[in-house]
Amino acid sequence: MTSETHAGVGDYVESYLPDDDALLSARVRAEELGCAPLGGAAGAALCFLATSLRARAVVEIGTGTGVSGLYLLRGMTPEGVLTSIDLEPEYHRTARRTFAEAGFPPGRTRLIMGRALDVLPRLTSGGYDLVFIDAARAEYPSYYEQGVHLLRPGGVIAFHGVLAPRSDPARRDPGALAARELARALRDDERLVPSLLPVGGGLLVAALRS
């Protein structure tokens, strides 16, 4: 398969489910604030996972302007609550606007401002269906242990952006090294059933065995 064919397939996958007005607006706000929103293919995968899990409780690390949160909320059950953690108050303000414009009442989200490594230990162990991480890659190995601890049996942990750093083995920056360490750890963890999905920046997912 030629590189042109690969690019064509990637473009088709990315645009398979077009953005609606709420997602388009959230992406515009992300560009204005200088943060990179989740792409359509990775978002669709998250929505699919949340729907398949009949997720009622989800943790998200990295709120951004609410793009990934919209995908998660749309896959969750009607009474489900999304807990989203971010350091930036402006992101939380913008995400609240995004969720409200998409028709989600305030009770469907719990936005926590703070460092995720400090917040995660305060959450309920075994109480979540899905944990999604899209944040500083250098901290991914630490999020891995804490995130798995939050999952109920059969729950899923998902890390975004792990494929691109692995594409160049010579890269030695902290984010690339952490992504490779994370991939090895999930592959070797007998508690988990992992898979690496080539969507967006690479979505590394793993289900906790029952």
C-alpha atoms as a PDB file:
ATOM      1  CA  MET A   1       0.000   0.000   0.000  1.00  0.00           C
ATOM      2  CA  THR A   2       1.469   3.350  -1.016  1.00  0.00           C
ATOM      3  CA  SER A   3       1.892   6.311   1.302  1.00  0.00           C
ATOM      4  CA  GLU A   4      -0.775   8.131  -0.727  1.00  0.00           C
ATOM      5  CA  THR A   5      -3.205   5.274  -0.070  1.00  0.00           C
ATOM      6  CA  HIS A   6      -2.389   5.317   3.638  1.00  0.00           C
ATOM      7  CA  ALA A   7      -3.059   9.064   3.710  1.00  0.00           C
ATOM      8  CA  GLY A   8      -6.336   8.607   1.854  1.00  0.00           C
ATOM      9  CA  VAL A   9      -7.496   5.920   4.275  1.00  0.00           C
ATOM     10  CA  GLY A  10      -6.510   8.077   7.239  1.00  0.00           C
ATOM     11  CA  ASP A  11      -8.416  11.058   5.880  1.00  0.00           C
ATOM     12  CA  TYR A  12     -11.506   8.916   5.280  1.00  0.00           C
ATOM     13  CA  VAL A  13     -11.401   7.427   8.787  1.00  0.00           C
ATOM     14  CA  GLU A  14     -10.921  10.868  10.331  1.00  0.00           C
ATOM     15  CA  SER A  15     -13.882  12.373   8.463  1.00  0.00           C
ATOM     16  CA  TYR A  16     -16.178   9.331   8.536  1.00  0.00           C
ATOM     17  CA  LEU A  17     -18.428  10.916  11.163  1.00  0.00           C
ATOM     18  CA  PRO A  18     -18.598  14.675  10.484  1.00  0.00           C
ATOM     19  CA  ASP A  19     -18.621  17.191  13.325  1.00  0.00           C
ATOM     20  CA  ASP A  20     -21.896  18.791  14.330  1.00  0.00           C
ATOM     21  CA  ASP A  21     -22.227  22.432  15.369  1.00  0.00           C
ATOM     22  CA  ALA A  22     -21.300  21.796  19.021  1.00  0.00           C
ATOM     23  CA  LEU A  23     -18.068  20.023  18.102  1.00  0.00           C
ATOM     24  CA  LEU A  24     -17.176  22.608  15.467  1.00  0.00           C
ATOM     25  CA  SER A  25     -17.630  25.415  17.989  1.00  0.00           C
ATOM     26  CA  ALA A  26     -15.537  23.587  20.592  1.00  0.00           C
ATOM     27  CA  ARG A  27     -12.758  23.086  18.038  1.00  0.00           C
ATOM     28  CA  VAL A  28     -12.769  26.803  17.182  1.00  0.00           C
ATOM     29  CA  ARG A  29     -12.421  27.630  20.889  1.00  0.00           C
ATOM     30  CA  ALA A  30      -9.561  25.150  21.187  1.00  0.00           C
ATOM     31  CA  GLU A  31      -7.715  26.896  18.382  1.00  0.00           C
ATOM     32  CA  GLU A  32      -8.297  30.274  20.048  1.00  0.00           C
ATOM     33  CA  LEU A  33      -6.899  28.967  23.354  1.00  0.00           C
ATOM     34  CA  GLY A  34      -3.986  27.151  21.739  1.00  0.00           C
ATOM     35  CA  CYS A  35      -4.889  23.591  22.778  1.00  0.00           C
ATOM     36  CA  ALA A  36      -5.089  20.627  20.435  1.00  0.00           C
ATOM     37  CA  PRO A  37      -8.572  19.037  20.420  1.00  0.00           C
ATOM     38  CA  LEU A  38      -9.211  15.334  19.985  1.00  0.00           C
ATOM     39  CA  GLY A  39      -9.694  14.304  16.354  1.00  0.00           C
ATOM     40  CA  GLY A  40     -12.884  12.843  14.961  1.00  0.00           C
ATOM     41  CA  ALA A  41     -11.637   9.252  14.628  1.00  0.00           C
ATOM     42  CA  ALA A  42     -10.335   9.044  18.191  1.00  0.00           C
ATOM     43  CA  GLY A  43     -13.483  10.765  19.433  1.00  0.00           C
ATOM     44  CA  ALA A  44     -15.691   8.264  17.644  1.00  0.00           C
ATOM     45  CA  ALA A  45     -13.680   5.452  19.241  1.00  0.00           C
ATOM     46  CA  LEU A  46     -14.245   6.966  22.685  1.00  0.00           C
ATOM     47  CA  CYS A  47     -17.976   7.326  22.080  1.00  0.00           C
ATOM     48  CA  PHE A  48     -18.092   3.707  20.900  1.00  0.00           C
ATOM     49  CA  LEU A  49     -16.256   2.514  24.029  1.00  0.00           C
ATOM     50  CA  ALA A  50     -18.520   4.483  26.370  1.00  0.00           C
ATOM     51  CA  THR A  51     -21.603   3.100  24.614  1.00  0.00           C
ATOM     52  CA  SER A  52     -20.334  -0.490  24.611  1.00  0.00           C
ATOM     53  CA  LEU A  53     -19.513  -0.255  28.311  1.00  0.00           C
ATOM     54  CA  ARG A  54     -22.865   1.391  29.100  1.00  0.00           C
ATOM     55  CA  ALA A  55     -20.679   3.805  31.017  1.00  0.00           C
ATOM     56  CA  ARG A  56     -22.220   5.626  33.946  1.00  0.00           C
ATOM     57  CA  ALA A  57     -19.011   6.918  35.531  1.00  0.00           C
ATOM     58  CA  VAL A  58     -16.082   8.176  33.455  1.00  0.00           C
ATOM     59  CA  VAL A  59     -12.877   9.984  34.398  1.00  0.00           C
ATOM     60  CA  GLU A  60     -11.140  12.253  31.906  1.00  0.00           C
ATOM     61  CA  ILE A  61      -7.674  13.753  32.418  1.00  0.00           C
ATOM     62  CA  GLY A  62      -7.336  16.798  30.184  1.00  0.00           C
ATOM     63  CA  THR A  63     -10.591  18.742  29.807  1.00  0.00           C
ATOM     64  CA  GLY A  64      -9.517  21.099  27.032  1.00  0.00           C
ATOM     65  CA  THR A  65     -12.501  22.920  25.548  1.00  0.00           C
ATOM     66  CA  GLY A  66     -14.805  19.926  25.948  1.00  0.00           C
ATOM     67  CA  VAL A  67     -14.300  18.130  22.617  1.00  0.00           C
ATOM     68  CA  SER A  68     -13.371  14.756  24.107  1.00  0.00           C
ATOM     69  CA  GLY A  69     -15.933  15.284  26.856  1.00  0.00           C
ATOM     70  CA  LEU A  70     -18.704  15.619  24.274  1.00  0.00           C
ATOM     71  CA  TYR A  71     -17.753  12.323  22.667  1.00  0.00           C
ATOM     72  CA  LEU A  72     -17.699  10.621  26.070  1.00  0.00           C
ATOM     73  CA  LEU A  73     -21.007  12.104  27.248  1.00  0.00           C
ATOM     74  CA  ARG A  74     -22.740  11.115  24.015  1.00  0.00           C
ATOM     75  CA  GLY A  75     -21.742   7.511  24.556  1.00  0.00           C
ATOM     76  CA  MET A  76     -22.585   7.343  28.252  1.00  0.00           C
ATOM     77  CA  THR A  77     -25.941   6.375  29.733  1.00  0.00           C
ATOM     78  CA  PRO A  78     -28.442   9.238  30.249  1.00  0.00           C
ATOM     79  CA  GLU A  79     -27.707   9.363  33.980  1.00  0.00           C
ATOM     80  CA  GLY A  80     -23.933   9.032  33.557  1.00  0.00           C
ATOM     81  CA  VAL A  81     -21.527  11.565  35.076  1.00  0.00           C
ATOM     82  CA  LEU A  82     -18.254  12.653  33.502  1.00  0.00           C
ATOM     83  CA  THR A  83     -15.498  13.685  35.922  1.00  0.00           C
ATOM     84  CA  SER A  84     -12.975  15.840  34.064  1.00  0.00           C
ATOM     85  CA  ILE A  85      -9.680  17.056  35.528  1.00  0.00           C
ATOM     86  CA  ASP A  86      -7.574  19.952  34.273  1.00  0.00           C
ATOM     87  CA  LEU A  87      -5.192  22.564  35.673  1.00  0.00           C
ATOM     88  CA  GLU A  88      -6.447  25.425  33.498  1.00  0.00           C
ATOM     89  CA  PRO A  89      -9.518  27.326  34.777  1.00  0.00           C
ATOM     90  CA  GLU A  90     -10.098  28.823  31.319  1.00  0.00           C
ATOM     91  CA  TYR A  91     -10.467  25.330  29.860  1.00  0.00           C
ATOM     92  CA  HIS A  92     -13.103  24.489  32.458  1.00  0.00           C
ATOM     93  CA  ARG A  93     -15.045  27.651  31.748  1.00  0.00           C
ATOM     94  CA  THR A  94     -14.960  26.951  28.034  1.00  0.00           C
ATOM     95  CA  ALA A  95     -15.874  23.278  28.456  1.00  0.00           C
ATOM     96  CA  ARG A  96     -18.903  24.193  30.567  1.00  0.00           C
ATOM     97  CA  ARG A  97     -20.082  26.401  27.721  1.00  0.00           C
ATOM     98  CA  THR A  98     -19.500  23.574  25.240  1.00  0.00           C
ATOM     99  CA  PHE A  99     -21.476  21.064  27.288  1.00  0.00           C
ATOM    100  CA  ALA A 100     -24.348  23.496  27.883  1.00  0.00           C
ATOM    101  CA  GLU A 101     -24.628  24.376  24.199  1.00  0.00           C
ATOM    102  CA  ALA A 102     -24.759  20.652  23.391  1.00  0.00           C
ATOM    103  CA  GLY A 103     -27.711  20.242  25.761  1.00  0.00           C
ATOM    104  CA  PHE A 104     -26.040  18.515  28.715  1.00  0.00           C
ATOM    105  CA  PRO A 105     -27.226  19.758  32.135  1.00  0.00           C
ATOM    106  CA  PRO A 106     -24.610  20.723  34.755  1.00  0.00           C
ATOM    107  CA  GLY A 107     -25.347  17.582  36.767  1.00  0.00           C
ATOM    108  CA  ARG A 108     -23.873  15.405  34.000  1.00  0.00           C
ATOM    109  CA  THR A 109     -20.351  16.756  34.571  1.00  0.00           C
ATOM    110  CA  ARG A 110     -18.017  17.225  37.507  1.00  0.00           C
ATOM    111  CA  LEU A 111     -15.105  19.471  36.572  1.00  0.00           C
ATOM    112  CA  ILE A 112     -12.163  19.363  38.991  1.00  0.00           C
ATOM    113  CA  MET A 113      -9.362  21.886  38.750  1.00  0.00           C
ATOM    114  CA  GLY A 114      -6.024  20.515  39.883  1.00  0.00           C
ATOM    115  CA  ARG A 115      -3.101  18.249  39.126  1.00  0.00           C
ATOM    116  CA  ALA A 116      -4.444  14.846  38.101  1.00  0.00           C
ATOM    117  CA  LEU A 117      -1.833  12.935  40.095  1.00  0.00           C
ATOM    118  CA  ASP A 118      -3.162  14.675  43.212  1.00  0.00           C
ATOM    119  CA  VAL A 119      -6.847  14.271  42.321  1.00  0.00           C
ATOM    120  CA  LEU A 120      -6.933  10.632  41.184  1.00  0.00           C
ATOM    121  CA  PRO A 121      -6.114   9.105  44.622  1.00  0.00           C
ATOM    122  CA  ARG A 122      -9.209  10.873  46.025  1.00  0.00           C
ATOM    123  CA  LEU A 123     -11.569   9.180  43.554  1.00  0.00           C
ATOM    124  CA  THR A 124     -13.416   5.930  44.307  1.00  0.00           C
ATOM    125  CA  SER A 125     -11.346   2.812  43.724  1.00  0.00           C
ATOM    126  CA  GLY A 126     -13.097   0.399  41.351  1.00  0.00           C
ATOM    127  CA  GLY A 127     -15.887   2.910  40.747  1.00  0.00           C
ATOM    128  CA  TYR A 128     -15.401   3.844  37.083  1.00  0.00           C
ATOM    129  CA  ASP A 129     -16.265   2.268  33.750  1.00  0.00           C
ATOM    130  CA  LEU A 130     -13.795   4.237  31.643  1.00  0.00           C
ATOM    131  CA  VAL A 131     -10.706   6.356  32.280  1.00  0.00           C
ATOM    132  CA  PHE A 132      -9.460   8.534  29.419  1.00  0.00           C
ATOM    133  CA  ILE A 133      -6.100  10.319  29.499  1.00  0.00           C
ATOM    134  CA  ASP A 134      -5.053  13.071  27.103  1.00  0.00           C
ATOM    135  CA  ALA A 135      -2.474  15.127  28.965  1.00  0.00           C
ATOM    136  CA  ALA A 136       1.288  15.432  29.541  1.00  0.00           C
ATOM    137  CA  ARG A 137       2.814  12.288  28.008  1.00  0.00           C
ATOM    138  CA  ALA A 138       5.699  12.278  30.484  1.00  0.00           C
ATOM    139  CA  GLU A 139       3.215  11.507  33.283  1.00  0.00           C
ATOM    140  CA  TYR A 140       1.419   8.676  31.451  1.00  0.00           C
ATOM    141  CA  PRO A 141       3.163   5.841  33.364  1.00  0.00           C
ATOM    142  CA  SER A 142       1.971   7.363  36.658  1.00  0.00           C
ATOM    143  CA  TYR A 143      -1.570   7.816  35.344  1.00  0.00           C
ATOM    144  CA  TYR A 144      -1.531   4.155  34.293  1.00  0.00           C
ATOM    145  CA  GLU A 145      -1.246   2.729  37.805  1.00  0.00           C
ATOM    146  CA  GLN A 146      -3.723   5.154  39.310  1.00  0.00           C
ATOM    147  CA  GLY A 147      -6.140   4.813  36.407  1.00  0.00           C
ATOM    148  CA  VAL A 148      -6.260   1.018  36.530  1.00  0.00           C
ATOM    149  CA  HIS A 149      -6.958   1.266  40.261  1.00  0.00           C
ATOM    150  CA  LEU A 150     -10.122   3.264  39.473  1.00  0.00           C
ATOM    151  CA  LEU A 151     -11.574   0.730  37.023  1.00  0.00           C
ATOM    152  CA  ARG A 152     -14.323  -1.721  37.828  1.00  0.00           C
ATOM    153  CA  PRO A 153     -13.832  -5.254  36.387  1.00  0.00           C
ATOM    154  CA  GLY A 154     -14.343  -5.028  32.639  1.00  0.00           C
ATOM    155  CA  GLY A 155     -13.635  -1.283  32.636  1.00  0.00           C
ATOM    156  CA  VAL A 156     -11.321   0.331  30.106  1.00  0.00           C
ATOM    157  CA  ILE A 157      -8.398   2.742  30.373  1.00  0.00           C
ATOM    158  CA  ALA A 158      -7.459   4.719  27.244  1.00  0.00           C
ATOM    159  CA  PHE A 159      -4.406   6.878  26.505  1.00  0.00           C
ATOM    160  CA  HIS A 160      -4.374   9.289  23.573  1.00  0.00           C
ATOM    161  CA  GLY A 161      -1.325  10.328  21.569  1.00  0.00           C
ATOM    162  CA  VAL A 162       0.934   7.328  22.148  1.00  0.00           C
ATOM    163  CA  LEU A 163       1.487   6.260  18.535  1.00  0.00           C
ATOM    164  CA  ALA A 164       3.274   9.289  17.102  1.00  0.00           C
ATOM    165  CA  PRO A 165       6.089   9.295  19.697  1.00  0.00           C
ATOM    166  CA  ARG A 166       6.771   5.607  18.995  1.00  0.00           C
ATOM    167  CA  SER A 167       7.065   6.162  15.244  1.00  0.00           C
ATOM    168  CA  ASP A 168      10.656   7.397  15.658  1.00  0.00           C
ATOM    169  CA  PRO A 169      12.675   5.083  17.976  1.00  0.00           C
ATOM    170  CA  ALA A 170      15.482   7.663  18.083  1.00  0.00           C
ATOM    171  CA  ARG A 171      13.380  10.195  19.930  1.00  0.00           C
ATOM    172  CA  ARG A 172      14.614  10.564  23.494  1.00  0.00           C
ATOM    173  CA  ASP A 173      12.411  13.340  24.865  1.00  0.00           C
ATOM    174  CA  PRO A 174      10.494  12.550  28.101  1.00  0.00           C
ATOM    175  CA  GLY A 175       7.131  12.251  26.365  1.00  0.00           C
ATOM    176  CA  ALA A 176       8.381   9.745  23.788  1.00  0.00           C
ATOM    177  CA  LEU A 177      10.189   7.675  26.416  1.00  0.00           C
ATOM    178  CA  ALA A 178       7.110   7.648  28.642  1.00  0.00           C
ATOM    179  CA  ALA A 179       4.879   6.526  25.748  1.00  0.00           C
ATOM    180  CA  ARG A 180       7.169   3.590  25.014  1.00  0.00           C
ATOM    181  CA  GLU A 181       7.339   2.686  28.715  1.00  0.00           C
ATOM    182  CA  LEU A 182       3.550   2.817  28.942  1.00  0.00           C
ATOM    183  CA  ALA A 183       3.059   0.607  25.888  1.00  0.00           C
ATOM    184  CA  ARG A 184       5.387  -2.042  27.350  1.00  0.00           C
ATOM    185  CA  ALA A 185       3.719  -1.856  30.761  1.00  0.00           C
ATOM    186  CA  LEU A 186       0.186  -2.372  29.434  1.00  0.00           C
ATOM    187  CA  ARG A 187       1.333  -5.189  27.139  1.00  0.00           C
ATOM    188  CA  ASP A 188       2.977  -7.022  30.039  1.00  0.00           C
ATOM    189  CA  ASP A 189       0.293  -6.410  32.680  1.00  0.00           C
ATOM    190  CA  GLU A 190      -1.570  -9.691  33.155  1.00  0.00           C
ATOM    191  CA  ARG A 191      -4.550  -7.833  34.627  1.00  0.00           C
ATOM    192  CA  LEU A 192      -5.220  -6.117  31.309  1.00  0.00           C
ATOM    193  CA  VAL A 193      -6.248  -6.916  27.731  1.00  0.00           C
ATOM    194  CA  PRO A 194      -4.563  -4.162  25.654  1.00  0.00           C
ATOM    195  CA  SER A 195      -4.907  -2.960  22.076  1.00  0.00           C
ATOM    196  CA  LEU A 196      -3.246  -0.131  20.145  1.00  0.00           C
ATOM    197  CA  LEU A 197      -5.685   1.617  17.811  1.00  0.00           C
ATOM    198  CA  PRO A 198      -4.134   3.657  14.970  1.00  0.00           C
ATOM    199  CA  VAL A 199      -6.577   6.572  15.185  1.00  0.00           C
ATOM    200  CA  GLY A 200      -5.704  10.181  15.881  1.00  0.00           C
ATOM    201  CA  GLY A 201      -2.346  10.292  17.594  1.00  0.00           C
ATOM    202  CA  GLY A 202      -2.709   6.648  18.543  1.00  0.00           C
ATOM    203  CA  LEU A 203      -5.209   5.376  21.116  1.00  0.00           C
ATOM    204  CA  LEU A 204      -3.796   2.777  23.503  1.00  0.00           C
ATOM    205  CA  VAL A 205      -6.660   1.003  25.277  1.00  0.00           C
ATOM    206  CA  ALA A 206      -6.770  -1.795  27.827  1.00  0.00           C
ATOM    207  CA  ALA A 207      -9.655  -3.590  29.538  1.00  0.00           C
ATOM    208  CA  LEU A 208      -9.395  -4.807  33.127  1.00  0.00           C
ATOM    209  CA  ARG A 209     -10.022  -8.542  33.265  1.00  0.00           C
ATOM    210  CA  SER A 210     -13.046  -9.594  35.308  1.00  0.00           C
END
